[in-house]
Amino acid sequence: MFYEALKFHDITIVTVNNIIVKIHECLSSPCVHGTCVSLVNKYECRCSWDAFGVNCEYYLKLKV
């Protein structure tokens, strides 16, 4: 079995026997205030408790 990981811009393409099996969507760090989970041809941001938005780009600032 031939395994290779190629980096193209901010995406890692993993191939096995010249067949693409995984593209890592999180290398560009799209989630501002959260954790990125790489899915098939897309990503999902898991926001911290005080963040929201598609890329967790908004957050709540609490006043004390």
Protein backbone atom coordinates (compact mmCIF):
# COMPACT_ATOMS: atom_id res chain seq x y z
CA MET A 1 0.00 0.00 0.00
CA PHE A 2 1.33 3.41 -0.98
CA TYR A 3 0.51 6.24 1.44
CA GLU A 4 1.24 9.90 0.78
CA ALA A 5 0.24 13.19 2.39
CA LEU A 6 0.46 16.27 0.20
CA LYS A 7 0.09 19.86 1.32
CA PHE A 8 -1.65 22.16 -1.13
CA HIS A 9 -2.12 25.71 0.15
CA ASP A 10 -3.76 25.18 3.59
CA ILE A 11 -5.24 21.77 2.83
CA THR A 12 -3.62 18.39 3.42
CA ILE A 13 -4.61 15.72 0.93
CA VAL A 14 -3.98 12.13 2.04
CA THR A 15 -3.86 9.48 -0.67
CA VAL A 16 -3.65 5.71 -0.51
CA ASN A 17 -2.66 4.01 -3.76
CA ASN A 18 -3.30 7.30 -5.60
CA ILE A 19 -6.90 7.51 -4.31
CA ILE A 20 -7.81 10.56 -2.21
CA VAL A 21 -9.07 9.34 1.15
CA LYS A 22 -8.91 12.42 3.35
CA ILE A 23 -8.69 16.18 2.94
CA HIS A 24 -7.95 17.97 6.20
CA GLU A 25 -10.16 21.06 6.24
CA CYS A 26 -8.95 22.48 9.57
CA LEU A 27 -5.35 23.40 8.72
CA SER A 28 -6.28 27.01 8.00
CA SER A 29 -7.71 27.29 11.56
CA PRO A 30 -11.14 28.59 10.51
CA CYS A 31 -12.62 28.43 14.04
CA VAL A 32 -11.77 31.67 15.83
CA HIS A 33 -13.01 30.83 19.36
CA GLY A 34 -13.47 27.07 19.16
CA THR A 35 -12.21 23.73 17.94
CA CYS A 36 -12.32 22.62 14.33
CA VAL A 37 -13.52 19.12 13.41
CA SER A 38 -12.63 17.96 9.89
CA LEU A 39 -15.50 16.19 8.12
CA VAL A 40 -15.86 14.87 4.57
CA ASN A 41 -15.38 17.87 2.25
CA LYS A 42 -16.29 20.32 5.03
CA TYR A 43 -15.52 21.25 8.61
CA GLU A 44 -17.50 22.02 11.73
CA CYS A 45 -16.60 24.43 14.50
CA ARG A 46 -17.30 23.43 18.08
CA CYS A 47 -17.51 26.79 19.81
CA SER A 48 -16.42 27.52 23.35
CA TRP A 49 -19.27 28.27 25.77
CA ASP A 50 -19.11 32.03 25.14
CA ALA A 51 -18.76 31.95 21.34
CA PHE A 52 -21.18 31.54 18.44
CA GLY A 53 -21.33 31.83 14.66
CA VAL A 54 -20.38 29.48 11.84
CA ASN A 55 -16.68 29.94 12.62
CA CYS A 56 -17.17 30.87 16.29
CA GLU A 57 -16.23 34.39 15.25
CA TYR A 58 -18.55 36.11 17.73
CA TYR A 59 -18.22 35.88 21.49
CA LEU A 60 -19.99 37.20 24.52
CA LYS A 61 -18.15 39.63 26.71
CA LEU A 62 -19.58 39.45 30.19
CA LYS A 63 -19.56 42.51 32.44
CA VAL A 64 -18.89 41.90 36.09
